[in-house]
Every structure is written in structure tokens, then in C-alpha cells.
Amino acid sequence: MNMLRIGLVSVSDRASSGIYQDKGIPALQEWLAEALTTPFEVETRLVPDEQPLIEQTLCELVDECECHLVLTTGGTGPARRDVTPDATLAVADREMPGFGEQMRQISLRFVPTAILSRQVGVIRKQALILNLPGQPKSIRETLSGLKDERGLVVVPGIFASIPYCIQLLDGPYVETNTDVVAAFRPKNAIRDIKN
């Protein structure tokens, strides 16, 4: 079985120039370590808010590193320098609008300005590319979803759909720690890989 490969891209002028420490990639790595029970490899990149550089990075992670999943963080707002969604759409073969819609639904539970987010989800070749928020707390909420005080899911996180999407793109079978996020698949797509 091929190893799950995940690309993590933090888009920030200030972090990439060393003005402050990047928080996006460490937050993503920490969440993935908790959430995935399937072994995986990570490729990380820290780039400034420059559309040609972001495009080049996404293409490199998909085309050369053969990542199955690429998660970006930062650069998704309406400001002139926020060009992550534009770069993502520019390298896409197909758009997956449900991911952006769901990410905004989750964020709207906390802030009305969630509607200003331009986050997108796309497919390039064999890979799913998703634009996540920049703040560690928001990253976690977007991926895991929201639970009530009894631990029941109120708003599903986007990661619940990602393992099945990777499977449909002929990638590896991905399993999760259900305490963090339960992967959802149709019954006919579930495999018992313990045997």
C-alpha cells in the first residue's frame, strides 16, 4: 500500500520573512498526529503571499512530491495580499465547492466575518487541496467540527469527508481516531484492513 503523503503550506509574508514564528504548520501537524491512525509523511512549505510562488509550491507538492492531500493555512481573506484561493483555483483541475461552504458554516458559529473568507477546495491530479484558516483554534474547529457538551457532533468538520475523497482519487485507505474525527464512508467503501 502506498504511504499517505500530506503537504502543509503556510502562506504568510511576516512568518516567511522571520518577523514572527509560523503557527499554522505546527497546529496542522499536531492535529494530524492526533487524528490519523494511518501512517503518513508530511512535506512542509512556508511561503510569502505571492500568487506565483503559492502556485509553484502547490504544483510541486502534487506533481513532484505526489501528495494525496495538501492543506494551506493563511491568505484567504478579502485583503489585496490574500491570494491563496486565487493560486489554488489557478492550479486546479476541478473545484470542490462543498469544502469552502462547510468551512464557512463552521466559522460562522463564532464570527459573522466568516463570510469574508474565500477558502476553496480543489482537486489537482490525484490530490485534494484545501485552504484552511490561519489561526490554530480555527484550524482545529474546521477539521474536527463542533461538538456539544455531551460530545455529539453539532457541525461536522471537513476532515470527516477527506479519507473517502482520497479513496475516490485512488489514494491510500485513510483511517482516523474517532475521538478526534470520525471518517465517513458509504458502507460499500469501508474496508476491514485489520486482517
Protein backbone atom coordinates (compact mmCIF):
# COMPACT_ATOMS: atom_id res chain seq x y z
CA MET A 1 0.00 0.00 0.00
CA ASN A 2 1.32 3.45 -0.84
CA MET A 3 2.10 5.78 2.06
CA LEU A 4 -0.28 8.70 2.69
CA ARG A 5 1.57 11.91 1.82
CA ILE A 6 0.33 15.28 3.08
CA GLY A 7 1.62 18.69 2.06
CA LEU A 8 1.30 21.57 4.52
CA VAL A 9 1.69 25.13 3.24
CA SER A 10 1.65 28.20 5.47
CA VAL A 11 1.14 31.40 3.49
CA SER A 12 2.38 34.49 5.34
CA ASP A 13 4.58 37.44 4.40
CA ARG A 14 5.63 38.03 8.01
CA ALA A 15 6.24 34.42 9.05
CA SER A 16 8.14 33.61 5.84
CA SER A 17 10.43 36.62 6.42
CA GLY A 18 11.05 35.67 10.07
CA ILE A 19 9.14 38.58 11.66
CA TYR A 20 7.14 36.09 13.72
CA GLN A 21 7.00 32.35 14.12
CA ASP A 22 4.60 30.41 11.93
CA LYS A 23 1.78 28.84 13.97
CA GLY A 24 -0.16 27.25 11.09
CA ILE A 25 2.10 24.32 10.22
CA PRO A 26 2.73 23.27 13.86
CA ALA A 27 -1.05 23.40 14.52
CA LEU A 28 -1.73 21.24 11.45
CA GLN A 29 0.99 18.74 12.35
CA GLU A 30 -0.29 18.44 15.92
CA TRP A 31 -3.88 17.90 14.77
CA LEU A 32 -2.91 15.30 12.13
CA ALA A 33 -0.82 13.39 14.70
CA GLU A 34 -3.90 13.17 16.97
CA ALA A 35 -6.44 12.50 14.22
CA LEU A 36 -4.82 9.97 11.89
CA THR A 37 -4.23 6.32 12.78
CA THR A 38 -2.94 5.65 9.25
CA PRO A 39 0.84 6.24 8.93
CA PHE A 40 1.66 9.36 6.91
CA GLU A 41 4.55 11.52 5.69
CA VAL A 42 4.48 15.32 5.69
CA GLU A 43 6.08 17.89 3.37
CA THR A 44 6.03 21.45 4.75
CA ARG A 45 6.47 24.79 2.99
CA LEU A 46 6.42 28.36 4.33
CA VAL A 47 5.83 30.93 1.59
CA PRO A 48 5.01 34.66 1.32
CA ASP A 49 1.67 35.96 -0.02
CA GLU A 50 2.81 35.86 -3.65
CA GLN A 51 0.45 34.11 -6.06
CA PRO A 52 3.12 32.72 -8.47
CA LEU A 53 5.07 31.27 -5.51
CA ILE A 54 1.97 29.70 -3.96
CA GLU A 55 1.01 28.18 -7.33
CA GLN A 56 4.53 26.82 -7.81
CA THR A 57 4.51 25.32 -4.29
CA LEU A 58 1.12 23.62 -4.75
CA CYS A 59 2.21 22.18 -8.13
CA GLU A 60 5.48 20.92 -6.64
CA LEU A 61 3.70 19.18 -3.72
CA VAL A 62 1.20 17.48 -6.02
CA ASP A 63 3.23 16.83 -9.17
CA GLU A 64 6.68 16.05 -7.73
CA CYS A 65 6.12 15.04 -4.09
CA GLU A 66 2.93 13.15 -5.06
CA CYS A 67 0.94 14.36 -2.04
CA HIS A 68 -2.59 12.97 -1.71
CA LEU A 69 -3.72 15.91 0.42
CA VAL A 70 -2.41 19.49 0.57
CA LEU A 71 -3.60 21.80 3.35
CA THR A 72 -2.85 25.51 3.17
CA THR A 73 -3.25 27.97 6.01
CA GLY A 74 -3.47 31.75 5.72
CA GLY A 75 -4.18 34.27 2.97
CA THR A 76 -7.88 33.56 2.41
CA GLY A 77 -9.48 36.92 3.27
CA PRO A 78 -10.51 39.87 1.08
CA ALA A 79 -7.30 41.90 1.57
CA ARG A 80 -5.24 42.61 -1.55
CA ARG A 81 -2.37 40.36 -0.36
CA ASP A 82 -4.73 37.43 0.37
CA VAL A 83 -4.21 35.37 -2.79
CA THR A 84 -4.15 31.75 -1.54
CA PRO A 85 -7.60 30.88 -3.01
CA ASP A 86 -6.68 32.52 -6.32
CA ALA A 87 -3.47 30.48 -6.53
CA THR A 88 -5.35 27.31 -5.56
CA LEU A 89 -8.01 27.80 -8.24
CA ALA A 90 -5.32 28.61 -10.83
CA VAL A 91 -3.70 25.16 -10.42
CA ALA A 92 -6.97 23.20 -10.07
CA ASP A 93 -8.38 20.59 -12.42
CA ARG A 94 -11.75 20.66 -10.64
CA GLU A 95 -13.35 22.64 -7.82
CA MET A 96 -14.92 21.01 -4.73
CA PRO A 97 -17.24 23.82 -3.51
CA GLY A 98 -18.67 21.85 -0.57
CA PHE A 99 -15.44 22.24 1.40
CA GLY A 100 -15.45 26.05 1.29
CA GLU A 101 -19.16 26.13 2.15
CA GLN A 102 -18.67 23.86 5.17
CA MET A 103 -15.61 25.75 6.44
CA ARG A 104 -17.59 28.99 6.41
CA GLN A 105 -20.54 27.28 8.16
CA ILE A 106 -18.24 26.21 11.00
CA SER A 107 -16.61 29.65 11.33
CA LEU A 108 -19.99 31.42 11.25
CA ARG A 109 -20.77 29.76 14.59
CA PHE A 110 -18.09 32.02 16.09
CA VAL A 111 -17.74 35.18 13.97
CA PRO A 112 -20.00 36.98 11.48
CA THR A 113 -16.92 37.89 9.43
CA ALA A 114 -16.61 34.22 8.37
CA ILE A 115 -18.48 35.25 5.21
CA LEU A 116 -15.37 37.25 4.22
CA SER A 117 -13.39 34.03 3.89
CA ARG A 118 -12.66 32.90 0.33
CA GLN A 119 -11.43 29.40 1.27
CA VAL A 120 -11.73 26.84 -1.52
CA GLY A 121 -11.27 23.13 -2.04
CA VAL A 122 -9.98 21.75 -5.35
CA ILE A 123 -8.62 18.64 -7.00
CA ARG A 124 -5.36 18.67 -8.92
CA LYS A 125 -4.47 15.31 -10.50
CA GLN A 126 -4.58 12.75 -7.63
CA ALA A 127 -4.64 15.34 -4.83
CA LEU A 128 -7.19 17.23 -2.77
CA ILE A 129 -6.07 20.80 -1.96
CA LEU A 130 -7.86 22.72 0.81
CA ASN A 131 -7.45 26.28 2.10
CA LEU A 132 -7.78 26.35 5.90
CA PRO A 133 -7.99 29.35 8.23
CA GLY A 134 -4.83 30.82 9.72
CA GLN A 135 -5.49 30.60 13.47
CA PRO A 136 -4.67 27.32 15.29
CA LYS A 137 -8.05 27.29 17.12
CA SER A 138 -9.91 27.81 13.83
CA ILE A 139 -7.82 25.14 12.08
CA ARG A 140 -8.81 22.61 14.76
CA GLU A 141 -12.52 23.56 14.65
CA THR A 142 -12.61 23.43 10.84
CA LEU A 143 -11.03 19.97 10.69
CA SER A 144 -12.74 18.35 13.72
CA GLY A 145 -16.10 20.09 13.65
CA LEU A 146 -18.09 21.26 16.65
CA LYS A 147 -19.41 19.06 19.44
CA ASP A 148 -21.87 19.83 22.20
CA GLU A 149 -21.20 19.30 25.92
CA ARG A 150 -22.16 15.60 25.56
CA GLY A 151 -19.61 15.11 22.79
CA LEU A 152 -22.18 14.82 20.00
CA VAL A 153 -21.28 16.40 16.65
CA VAL A 154 -23.27 19.61 16.08
CA VAL A 155 -21.48 20.72 12.90
CA PRO A 156 -19.36 18.13 11.05
CA GLY A 157 -15.73 19.03 10.43
CA ILE A 158 -14.41 18.84 6.90
CA PHE A 159 -11.95 16.03 7.70
CA ALA A 160 -14.84 13.56 8.10
CA SER A 161 -15.13 13.57 4.28
CA ILE A 162 -11.43 13.69 3.38
CA PRO A 163 -10.49 9.97 3.74
CA TYR A 164 -13.28 8.93 1.37
CA CYS A 165 -12.33 11.69 -1.09
CA ILE A 166 -8.70 10.45 -1.09
CA GLN A 167 -10.02 6.91 -1.63
CA LEU A 168 -12.10 8.07 -4.64
CA LEU A 169 -8.94 9.68 -6.08
CA ASP A 170 -7.21 6.24 -5.91
CA GLY A 171 -5.15 7.25 -2.90
CA PRO A 172 -4.44 5.16 0.22
CA TYR A 173 -7.17 4.00 2.61
CA VAL A 174 -7.08 6.54 5.46
CA GLU A 175 -8.34 5.79 8.97
CA THR A 176 -8.88 8.24 11.83
CA ASN A 177 -9.02 8.36 15.60
CA THR A 178 -12.80 8.58 16.10
CA ASP A 179 -12.33 10.56 19.34
CA VAL A 180 -10.95 13.40 17.19
CA VAL A 181 -12.91 12.99 13.95
CA ALA A 182 -14.80 10.01 12.54
CA ALA A 183 -14.18 9.38 8.85
CA PHE A 184 -17.42 8.83 6.96
CA ARG A 185 -17.75 6.43 4.03
CA PRO A 186 -20.66 4.64 2.38
CA LYS A 187 -20.91 1.04 3.67
CA ASN A 188 -19.62 -0.40 0.38
CA ALA A 189 -16.42 1.69 0.67
CA ILE A 190 -15.49 0.51 4.19
CA ARG A 191 -12.60 -1.95 4.34
CA ASP A 192 -11.53 -4.12 7.22
CA ILE A 193 -7.79 -3.64 6.93
CA LYS A 194 -7.00 -5.30 10.26
CA ASN A 195 -6.94 -8.74 8.55
